[in-house]
Amino acid sequence: MALELVEGAVLGTVFAALHDVVKVALVQTPPWRSQVHSRLAKTTDHPTNRRT
């Protein structure tokens, strides 16, 4: 019985840590960010497209 409780606690901790990692990854790189950047990079007034 005690071993089952320990296994359950370990699995719960692993899933909680995995959930936190996924949540942080999604917050830091929203799926629309790369699309917005690629659209901005194609415009002529974007700083990366200006010629000096």
N, C-alpha and C. Protein backbone atom coordinates (compact mmCIF):
# COMPACT_ATOMS: atom_id res chain seq x y z
N MET A 1 0.83 -1.20 0.00
CA MET A 1 0.00 0.00 0.00
C MET A 1 0.86 1.25 0.00
N ALA A 2 1.90 1.26 0.83
CA ALA A 2 2.76 2.44 0.91
C ALA A 2 3.51 2.64 -0.40
N LEU A 3 3.91 1.54 -1.03
CA LEU A 3 4.63 1.64 -2.30
C LEU A 3 3.73 2.23 -3.38
N GLU A 4 2.47 1.86 -3.38
CA GLU A 4 1.53 2.42 -4.36
C GLU A 4 1.35 3.91 -4.16
N LEU A 5 1.33 4.34 -2.91
CA LEU A 5 1.20 5.78 -2.63
C LEU A 5 2.43 6.54 -3.11
N VAL A 6 3.60 5.95 -2.90
CA VAL A 6 4.83 6.60 -3.35
C VAL A 6 4.87 6.67 -4.87
N GLU A 7 4.48 5.58 -5.54
CA GLU A 7 4.44 5.58 -7.00
C GLU A 7 3.46 6.63 -7.52
N GLY A 8 2.33 6.74 -6.88
CA GLY A 8 1.35 7.75 -7.29
C GLY A 8 1.88 9.16 -7.10
N ALA A 9 2.59 9.39 -6.01
CA ALA A 9 3.16 10.71 -5.76
C ALA A 9 4.24 11.04 -6.79
N VAL A 10 5.05 10.05 -7.14
CA VAL A 10 6.11 10.26 -8.13
C VAL A 10 5.49 10.57 -9.50
N LEU A 11 4.49 9.80 -9.89
CA LEU A 11 3.84 10.05 -11.17
C LEU A 11 3.16 11.42 -11.19
N GLY A 12 2.53 11.79 -10.11
CA GLY A 12 1.90 13.11 -10.03
C GLY A 12 2.92 14.22 -10.16
N THR A 13 4.07 14.05 -9.53
CA THR A 13 5.13 15.06 -9.61
C THR A 13 5.67 15.16 -11.03
N VAL A 14 5.85 14.03 -11.69
CA VAL A 14 6.36 14.03 -13.07
C VAL A 14 5.37 14.73 -14.00
N PHE A 15 4.10 14.42 -13.89
CA PHE A 15 3.11 15.06 -14.75
C PHE A 15 2.97 16.55 -14.45
N ALA A 16 3.09 16.94 -13.20
CA ALA A 16 3.02 18.36 -12.85
C ALA A 16 4.21 19.11 -13.44
N ALA A 17 5.39 18.51 -13.37
CA ALA A 17 6.58 19.15 -13.94
C ALA A 17 6.46 19.25 -15.46
N LEU A 18 5.96 18.21 -16.09
CA LEU A 18 5.77 18.23 -17.55
C LEU A 18 4.76 19.30 -17.95
N HIS A 19 3.70 19.42 -17.18
CA HIS A 19 2.69 20.44 -17.45
C HIS A 19 3.30 21.83 -17.35
N ASP A 20 4.13 22.07 -16.34
CA ASP A 20 4.78 23.38 -16.19
C ASP A 20 5.71 23.68 -17.35
N VAL A 21 6.45 22.69 -17.80
CA VAL A 21 7.37 22.90 -18.93
C VAL A 21 6.60 23.25 -20.19
N VAL A 22 5.53 22.53 -20.46
CA VAL A 22 4.74 22.80 -21.66
C VAL A 22 4.08 24.17 -21.56
N LYS A 23 3.58 24.52 -20.40
CA LYS A 23 2.93 25.82 -20.22
C LYS A 23 3.92 26.96 -20.46
N VAL A 24 5.12 26.85 -19.93
CA VAL A 24 6.14 27.89 -20.12
C VAL A 24 6.54 27.97 -21.58
N ALA A 25 6.68 26.83 -22.24
CA ALA A 25 7.07 26.82 -23.65
C ALA A 25 6.00 27.49 -24.52
N LEU A 26 4.75 27.25 -24.22
CA LEU A 26 3.68 27.86 -25.01
C LEU A 26 3.58 29.35 -24.77
N VAL A 27 3.84 29.79 -23.55
CA VAL A 27 3.77 31.22 -23.25
C VAL A 27 4.93 31.95 -23.92
N GLN A 28 6.11 31.36 -23.95
CA GLN A 28 7.27 32.04 -24.51
C GLN A 28 7.26 32.07 -26.02
N THR A 29 6.66 31.12 -26.67
CA THR A 29 6.63 31.09 -28.13
C THR A 29 5.20 30.88 -28.61
N PRO A 30 4.40 31.93 -28.62
CA PRO A 30 3.04 31.77 -29.12
C PRO A 30 3.06 31.38 -30.59
N PRO A 31 2.12 30.59 -31.04
CA PRO A 31 2.15 30.08 -32.41
C PRO A 31 2.04 31.17 -33.46
N TRP A 32 1.44 32.31 -33.11
CA TRP A 32 1.27 33.37 -34.10
C TRP A 32 2.52 34.23 -34.22
N ARG A 33 3.46 34.12 -33.31
CA ARG A 33 4.61 35.01 -33.31
C ARG A 33 5.47 34.85 -34.56
N SER A 34 5.74 33.62 -34.97
CA SER A 34 6.57 33.41 -36.15
C SER A 34 5.85 33.87 -37.41
N GLN A 35 4.53 33.74 -37.46
CA GLN A 35 3.78 34.19 -38.62
C GLN A 35 3.83 35.71 -38.73
N VAL A 36 3.68 36.39 -37.61
CA VAL A 36 3.73 37.85 -37.62
C VAL A 36 5.11 38.32 -38.04
N HIS A 37 6.15 37.69 -37.52
CA HIS A 37 7.50 38.09 -37.87
C HIS A 37 7.77 37.88 -39.36
N SER A 38 7.32 36.78 -39.92
CA SER A 38 7.57 36.53 -41.34
C SER A 38 6.82 37.54 -42.20
N ARG A 39 5.64 37.96 -41.78
CA ARG A 39 4.91 38.99 -42.54
C ARG A 39 5.61 40.33 -42.44
N LEU A 40 6.09 40.67 -41.25
CA LEU A 40 6.80 41.94 -41.09
C LEU A 40 8.09 41.96 -41.89
N ALA A 41 8.77 40.85 -41.94
CA ALA A 41 10.04 40.79 -42.66
C ALA A 41 9.84 40.98 -44.16
N LYS A 42 8.65 40.72 -44.67
CA LYS A 42 8.40 40.87 -46.10
C LYS A 42 8.04 42.30 -46.48
N THR A 43 7.70 43.14 -45.53
CA THR A 43 7.33 44.51 -45.85
C THR A 43 8.58 45.33 -46.12
N THR A 44 8.44 46.34 -46.95
CA THR A 44 9.61 47.13 -47.35
C THR A 44 10.07 48.08 -46.25
N ASP A 45 9.19 48.47 -45.35
CA ASP A 45 9.59 49.42 -44.32
C ASP A 45 10.11 48.74 -43.06
N HIS A 46 10.25 47.44 -43.09
CA HIS A 46 10.79 46.73 -41.94
C HIS A 46 12.28 47.05 -41.82
N PRO A 47 12.79 47.27 -40.60
CA PRO A 47 14.20 47.67 -40.42
C PRO A 47 15.21 46.71 -41.06
N THR A 48 14.88 45.44 -41.15
CA THR A 48 15.85 44.50 -41.73
C THR A 48 15.93 44.63 -43.25
N ASN A 49 14.95 45.29 -43.86
CA ASN A 49 14.95 45.45 -45.32
C ASN A 49 15.47 46.80 -45.77
N ARG A 50 15.78 47.68 -44.84
CA ARG A 50 16.29 49.00 -45.22
C ARG A 50 17.74 48.92 -45.64
N ARG A 51 18.06 49.62 -46.68
CA ARG A 51 19.45 49.65 -47.15
C ARG A 51 20.10 50.93 -46.66
N THR A 52 21.33 50.79 -46.21
CA THR A 52 22.03 51.97 -45.70
C THR A 52 22.97 52.55 -46.73
